[in-house]
Amino acid sequence: MPEPKEIFGPIDHDLRVCGLAPSTVYAYLGTLELDPELVADPEPGAAVRSLAFHAQAAVLENLQEMKNGHSWPMCQGKHPHPMSLGSGREGSWPYWYCPKNPSYRFAVGEHPGR
């Protein structure tokens, strides 16, 4: 079973390097129930993907209310849209990618920021 740091650490990193406070985003998430099967999986990729999905939705739904709110994670292709969330096979580590140019791709937890 993955430790909470393994699940939240990559999301925290990507939020911070893009100029957002993880505590603010998590406050918008409220109580998040991660599927027990995801958390019980010995590979944390599925749980990280689920949390990344919910964190991105919380940011996009609350842009007007957030200080310094902007789409997250920011596209590195200099496009105005946020990056999309993807993953390979089930349970594999998730990644952010540009929907216009999939060559712009970063593993969740490795986004380079602004």
N, C-alpha and C. Protein backbone atom coordinates (compact mmCIF):
# COMPACT_ATOMS: atom_id res chain seq x y z
N MET A 1 0.85 -1.18 0.00
CA MET A 1 0.00 0.00 0.00
C MET A 1 0.89 1.24 0.00
N PRO A 2 0.63 2.18 -0.93
CA PRO A 2 1.46 3.39 -0.98
C PRO A 2 1.24 4.29 0.24
N GLU A 3 2.29 4.98 0.61
CA GLU A 3 2.21 5.96 1.69
C GLU A 3 1.55 7.23 1.15
N PRO A 4 0.87 8.02 2.03
CA PRO A 4 0.25 9.27 1.56
C PRO A 4 1.23 10.19 0.83
N LYS A 5 2.49 10.24 1.27
CA LYS A 5 3.48 11.10 0.61
C LYS A 5 3.69 10.67 -0.84
N GLU A 6 3.61 9.36 -1.11
CA GLU A 6 3.77 8.88 -2.48
C GLU A 6 2.63 9.33 -3.37
N ILE A 7 1.45 9.51 -2.78
CA ILE A 7 0.28 9.91 -3.55
C ILE A 7 0.20 11.43 -3.67
N PHE A 8 0.38 12.14 -2.56
CA PHE A 8 0.22 13.59 -2.56
C PHE A 8 1.48 14.34 -3.01
N GLY A 9 2.65 13.79 -2.79
CA GLY A 9 3.91 14.46 -3.12
C GLY A 9 4.00 14.93 -4.56
N PRO A 10 3.71 14.07 -5.54
CA PRO A 10 3.81 14.52 -6.94
C PRO A 10 2.82 15.64 -7.28
N ILE A 11 1.62 15.57 -6.72
CA ILE A 11 0.62 16.60 -6.98
C ILE A 11 1.07 17.92 -6.33
N ASP A 12 1.55 17.83 -5.09
CA ASP A 12 2.06 19.03 -4.41
C ASP A 12 3.14 19.71 -5.25
N HIS A 13 4.07 18.94 -5.76
CA HIS A 13 5.15 19.49 -6.59
C HIS A 13 4.58 20.24 -7.78
N ASP A 14 3.70 19.59 -8.54
CA ASP A 14 3.17 20.20 -9.76
C ASP A 14 2.34 21.45 -9.46
N LEU A 15 1.63 21.47 -8.35
CA LEU A 15 0.89 22.67 -7.97
C LEU A 15 1.86 23.80 -7.63
N ARG A 16 2.86 23.50 -6.82
CA ARG A 16 3.80 24.55 -6.38
C ARG A 16 4.58 25.15 -7.54
N VAL A 17 5.12 24.30 -8.44
CA VAL A 17 5.93 24.86 -9.53
C VAL A 17 5.09 25.67 -10.50
N CYS A 18 3.78 25.49 -10.46
CA CYS A 18 2.89 26.28 -11.32
C CYS A 18 2.30 27.46 -10.56
N GLY A 19 2.78 27.71 -9.33
CA GLY A 19 2.37 28.90 -8.60
C GLY A 19 1.10 28.77 -7.79
N LEU A 20 0.66 27.55 -7.53
CA LEU A 20 -0.55 27.35 -6.73
C LEU A 20 -0.21 26.71 -5.39
N ALA A 21 -0.99 27.05 -4.37
CA ALA A 21 -0.77 26.51 -3.03
C ALA A 21 -1.55 25.20 -2.88
N PRO A 22 -0.86 24.09 -2.64
CA PRO A 22 -1.58 22.82 -2.48
C PRO A 22 -2.68 22.88 -1.43
N SER A 23 -2.45 23.56 -0.31
CA SER A 23 -3.46 23.60 0.75
C SER A 23 -4.75 24.27 0.26
N THR A 24 -4.62 25.28 -0.59
CA THR A 24 -5.80 25.95 -1.14
C THR A 24 -6.57 25.01 -2.04
N VAL A 25 -5.86 24.31 -2.91
CA VAL A 25 -6.52 23.38 -3.83
C VAL A 25 -7.19 22.26 -3.06
N TYR A 26 -6.50 21.70 -2.06
CA TYR A 26 -7.09 20.61 -1.29
C TYR A 26 -8.32 21.08 -0.51
N ALA A 27 -8.35 22.35 -0.11
CA ALA A 27 -9.53 22.88 0.57
C ALA A 27 -10.74 22.85 -0.36
N TYR A 28 -10.53 23.14 -1.65
CA TYR A 28 -11.63 23.07 -2.61
C TYR A 28 -12.06 21.63 -2.87
N LEU A 29 -11.15 20.69 -2.69
CA LEU A 29 -11.52 19.28 -2.88
C LEU A 29 -12.46 18.80 -1.78
N GLY A 30 -12.33 19.39 -0.60
CA GLY A 30 -13.14 18.92 0.52
C GLY A 30 -12.70 17.51 0.91
N THR A 31 -13.64 16.71 1.32
CA THR A 31 -13.34 15.33 1.68
C THR A 31 -13.36 14.50 0.41
N LEU A 32 -12.21 13.98 0.07
CA LEU A 32 -12.07 13.18 -1.14
C LEU A 32 -11.94 11.72 -0.75
N GLU A 33 -12.84 10.92 -1.23
CA GLU A 33 -12.79 9.49 -0.96
C GLU A 33 -12.10 8.81 -2.13
N LEU A 34 -10.85 8.39 -1.92
CA LEU A 34 -10.16 7.62 -2.95
C LEU A 34 -10.66 6.18 -2.88
N ASP A 35 -10.88 5.59 -4.02
CA ASP A 35 -11.32 4.21 -4.10
C ASP A 35 -10.35 3.33 -3.31
N PRO A 36 -10.85 2.54 -2.35
CA PRO A 36 -9.95 1.70 -1.54
C PRO A 36 -9.08 0.77 -2.38
N GLU A 37 -9.60 0.32 -3.52
CA GLU A 37 -8.79 -0.54 -4.39
C GLU A 37 -7.59 0.20 -4.95
N LEU A 38 -7.76 1.51 -5.25
CA LEU A 38 -6.64 2.29 -5.76
C LEU A 38 -5.57 2.46 -4.71
N VAL A 39 -5.98 2.75 -3.50
CA VAL A 39 -5.03 2.99 -2.42
C VAL A 39 -4.36 1.69 -1.99
N ALA A 40 -5.06 0.56 -2.12
CA ALA A 40 -4.50 -0.73 -1.73
C ALA A 40 -3.52 -1.28 -2.77
N ASP A 41 -3.56 -0.77 -4.00
CA ASP A 41 -2.67 -1.24 -5.06
C ASP A 41 -1.23 -0.96 -4.65
N PRO A 42 -0.33 -1.94 -4.78
CA PRO A 42 1.06 -1.71 -4.38
C PRO A 42 1.76 -0.66 -5.24
N GLU A 43 1.27 -0.43 -6.46
CA GLU A 43 1.81 0.62 -7.32
C GLU A 43 0.96 1.87 -7.12
N PRO A 44 1.55 2.99 -6.75
CA PRO A 44 0.77 4.19 -6.44
C PRO A 44 0.22 4.93 -7.66
N GLY A 45 0.56 4.53 -8.88
CA GLY A 45 0.16 5.26 -10.08
C GLY A 45 -1.33 5.50 -10.20
N ALA A 46 -2.15 4.50 -9.89
CA ALA A 46 -3.60 4.65 -10.02
C ALA A 46 -4.14 5.67 -9.03
N ALA A 47 -3.65 5.65 -7.80
CA ALA A 47 -4.11 6.61 -6.80
C ALA A 47 -3.63 8.02 -7.15
N VAL A 48 -2.41 8.15 -7.66
CA VAL A 48 -1.88 9.46 -8.06
C VAL A 48 -2.72 10.01 -9.21
N ARG A 49 -3.07 9.16 -10.16
CA ARG A 49 -3.89 9.60 -11.29
C ARG A 49 -5.24 10.10 -10.81
N SER A 50 -5.86 9.39 -9.89
CA SER A 50 -7.16 9.79 -9.36
C SER A 50 -7.05 11.14 -8.65
N LEU A 51 -6.06 11.31 -7.80
CA LEU A 51 -5.89 12.57 -7.09
C LEU A 51 -5.57 13.71 -8.07
N ALA A 52 -4.73 13.45 -9.06
CA ALA A 52 -4.40 14.48 -10.06
C ALA A 52 -5.67 14.91 -10.80
N PHE A 53 -6.50 13.96 -11.17
CA PHE A 53 -7.75 14.26 -11.86
C PHE A 53 -8.63 15.18 -11.01
N HIS A 54 -8.82 14.81 -9.74
CA HIS A 54 -9.68 15.60 -8.85
C HIS A 54 -9.07 16.96 -8.53
N ALA A 55 -7.76 17.02 -8.36
CA ALA A 55 -7.10 18.31 -8.09
C ALA A 55 -7.25 19.23 -9.29
N GLN A 56 -7.05 18.71 -10.50
CA GLN A 56 -7.20 19.54 -11.69
C GLN A 56 -8.63 20.04 -11.83
N ALA A 57 -9.60 19.18 -11.58
CA ALA A 57 -11.01 19.59 -11.65
C ALA A 57 -11.30 20.69 -10.63
N ALA A 58 -10.77 20.56 -9.42
CA ALA A 58 -10.99 21.58 -8.38
C ALA A 58 -10.40 22.92 -8.80
N VAL A 59 -9.21 22.91 -9.39
CA VAL A 59 -8.59 24.16 -9.85
C VAL A 59 -9.44 24.79 -10.94
N LEU A 60 -9.80 24.01 -11.94
CA LEU A 60 -10.54 24.56 -13.08
C LEU A 60 -11.93 25.06 -12.68
N GLU A 61 -12.56 24.40 -11.72
CA GLU A 61 -13.90 24.81 -11.28
C GLU A 61 -13.88 26.05 -10.39
N ASN A 62 -12.73 26.37 -9.82
CA ASN A 62 -12.66 27.47 -8.84
C ASN A 62 -11.67 28.56 -9.23
N LEU A 63 -11.39 28.72 -10.51
CA LEU A 63 -10.39 29.70 -10.95
C LEU A 63 -10.68 31.12 -10.46
N GLN A 64 -11.94 31.55 -10.55
CA GLN A 64 -12.27 32.92 -10.17
C GLN A 64 -12.07 33.18 -8.68
N GLU A 65 -12.24 32.18 -7.87
CA GLU A 65 -12.14 32.37 -6.42
C GLU A 65 -10.71 32.24 -5.90
N MET A 66 -9.83 31.65 -6.67
CA MET A 66 -8.48 31.39 -6.21
C MET A 66 -7.56 32.57 -6.46
N LYS A 67 -6.74 32.89 -5.47
CA LYS A 67 -5.73 33.92 -5.64
C LYS A 67 -4.72 33.38 -6.65
N ASN A 68 -4.39 34.19 -7.64
CA ASN A 68 -3.48 33.79 -8.72
C ASN A 68 -4.01 32.58 -9.49
N GLY A 69 -5.31 32.43 -9.56
CA GLY A 69 -5.89 31.28 -10.23
C GLY A 69 -5.62 31.29 -11.73
N HIS A 70 -5.24 30.15 -12.24
CA HIS A 70 -5.02 29.96 -13.68
C HIS A 70 -5.16 28.48 -13.98
N SER A 71 -5.26 28.16 -15.26
CA SER A 71 -5.41 26.76 -15.61
C SER A 71 -4.21 25.97 -15.09
N TRP A 72 -4.47 24.73 -14.73
CA TRP A 72 -3.41 23.89 -14.15
C TRP A 72 -3.53 22.48 -14.64
N PRO A 73 -2.39 21.88 -14.94
CA PRO A 73 -1.07 22.49 -15.06
C PRO A 73 -0.95 23.24 -16.38
N MET A 74 -0.16 24.28 -16.36
CA MET A 74 -0.01 25.13 -17.55
C MET A 74 0.67 24.35 -18.67
N CYS A 75 0.18 24.56 -19.89
CA CYS A 75 0.75 23.89 -21.04
C CYS A 75 2.13 24.44 -21.35
N GLN A 76 3.06 23.56 -21.58
CA GLN A 76 4.42 23.98 -21.91
C GLN A 76 4.59 24.27 -23.40
N GLY A 77 3.52 24.03 -24.17
CA GLY A 77 3.55 24.34 -25.60
C GLY A 77 3.15 25.77 -25.86
N LYS A 78 3.12 26.60 -24.83
CA LYS A 78 2.73 28.02 -24.92
C LYS A 78 1.28 28.17 -25.40
N HIS A 79 0.48 27.19 -25.12
CA HIS A 79 -0.94 27.25 -25.45
C HIS A 79 -1.71 27.71 -24.22
N PRO A 80 -2.89 28.31 -24.40
CA PRO A 80 -3.64 28.83 -23.25
C PRO A 80 -4.41 27.77 -22.45
N HIS A 81 -4.43 26.54 -22.91
CA HIS A 81 -5.21 25.49 -22.23
C HIS A 81 -4.36 24.76 -21.19
N PRO A 82 -5.01 24.08 -20.25
CA PRO A 82 -4.25 23.25 -19.32
C PRO A 82 -3.80 21.98 -20.02
N MET A 83 -2.81 21.33 -19.46
CA MET A 83 -2.38 20.03 -20.00
C MET A 83 -3.44 19.00 -19.62
N SER A 84 -3.53 17.95 -20.39
CA SER A 84 -4.47 16.86 -20.12
C SER A 84 -3.75 15.78 -19.34
N LEU A 85 -4.53 14.96 -18.66
CA LEU A 85 -3.99 13.88 -17.84
C LEU A 85 -4.11 12.57 -18.60
N GLY A 86 -3.04 11.82 -18.65
CA GLY A 86 -3.06 10.53 -19.33
C GLY A 86 -2.32 9.48 -18.54
N SER A 87 -2.45 8.25 -18.98
CA SER A 87 -1.69 7.15 -18.40
C SER A 87 -1.62 6.03 -19.42
N GLY A 88 -0.65 5.20 -19.29
CA GLY A 88 -0.51 4.06 -20.19
C GLY A 88 -1.41 2.93 -19.72
N ARG A 89 -0.80 1.82 -19.44
CA ARG A 89 -1.59 0.68 -18.97
C ARG A 89 -2.15 0.96 -17.57
N GLU A 90 -3.14 0.20 -17.19
CA GLU A 90 -3.79 0.40 -15.89
C GLU A 90 -2.77 0.34 -14.76
N GLY A 91 -2.81 1.34 -13.89
CA GLY A 91 -1.92 1.40 -12.74
C GLY A 91 -0.56 2.03 -13.03
N SER A 92 -0.26 2.30 -14.32
CA SER A 92 1.04 2.90 -14.63
C SER A 92 1.05 4.36 -14.17
N TRP A 93 2.25 4.91 -14.09
CA TRP A 93 2.39 6.29 -13.60
C TRP A 93 1.73 7.25 -14.58
N PRO A 94 0.89 8.18 -14.09
CA PRO A 94 0.21 9.13 -14.97
C PRO A 94 1.14 10.24 -15.45
N TYR A 95 0.69 10.92 -16.48
CA TYR A 95 1.48 12.01 -17.05
C TYR A 95 0.56 13.12 -17.56
N TRP A 96 1.13 14.33 -17.65
CA TRP A 96 0.45 15.48 -18.24
C TRP A 96 0.92 15.57 -19.68
N TYR A 97 0.02 15.92 -20.60
CA TYR A 97 0.41 16.10 -21.99
C TYR A 97 -0.42 17.20 -22.63
N CYS A 98 0.14 17.81 -23.67
CA CYS A 98 -0.55 18.85 -24.42
C CYS A 98 -1.51 18.17 -25.40
N PRO A 99 -2.81 18.52 -25.35
CA PRO A 99 -3.75 17.88 -26.27
C PRO A 99 -3.53 18.30 -27.73
N LYS A 100 -2.83 19.41 -27.96
CA LYS A 100 -2.53 19.84 -29.34
C LYS A 100 -1.23 19.24 -29.86
N ASN A 101 -0.28 19.02 -28.95
CA ASN A 101 1.01 18.47 -29.34
C ASN A 101 1.46 17.49 -28.26
N PRO A 102 1.10 16.21 -28.40
CA PRO A 102 1.41 15.22 -27.37
C PRO A 102 2.90 15.03 -27.07
N SER A 103 3.79 15.65 -27.87
CA SER A 103 5.21 15.53 -27.56
C SER A 103 5.57 16.32 -26.31
N TYR A 104 4.73 17.30 -25.92
CA TYR A 104 4.90 18.00 -24.64
C TYR A 104 4.28 17.11 -23.57
N ARG A 105 5.12 16.38 -22.86
CA ARG A 105 4.63 15.38 -21.91
C ARG A 105 5.56 15.32 -20.71
N PHE A 106 4.94 15.33 -19.51
CA PHE A 106 5.70 15.27 -18.26
C PHE A 106 5.00 14.33 -17.30
N ALA A 107 5.76 13.49 -16.63
CA ALA A 107 5.18 12.62 -15.60
C ALA A 107 4.59 13.49 -14.51
N VAL A 108 3.48 13.07 -13.92
CA VAL A 108 2.92 13.78 -12.78
C VAL A 108 3.99 13.79 -11.70
N GLY A 109 4.26 14.97 -11.17
CA GLY A 109 5.32 15.15 -10.19
C GLY A 109 6.59 15.70 -10.79
N GLU A 110 6.62 15.85 -12.12
CA GLU A 110 7.82 16.35 -12.79
C GLU A 110 7.53 17.53 -13.71
N HIS A 111 6.38 18.17 -13.51
CA HIS A 111 6.05 19.33 -14.34
C HIS A 111 7.11 20.41 -14.08
N PRO A 112 7.64 21.04 -15.15
CA PRO A 112 8.70 22.03 -14.95
C PRO A 112 8.23 23.40 -14.45
N GLY A 113 6.92 23.61 -14.41
CA GLY A 113 6.41 24.89 -13.91
C GLY A 113 6.25 25.91 -15.01
N ARG A 114 6.14 27.14 -14.58
CA ARG A 114 5.85 28.24 -15.51
C ARG A 114 6.81 28.22 -16.62
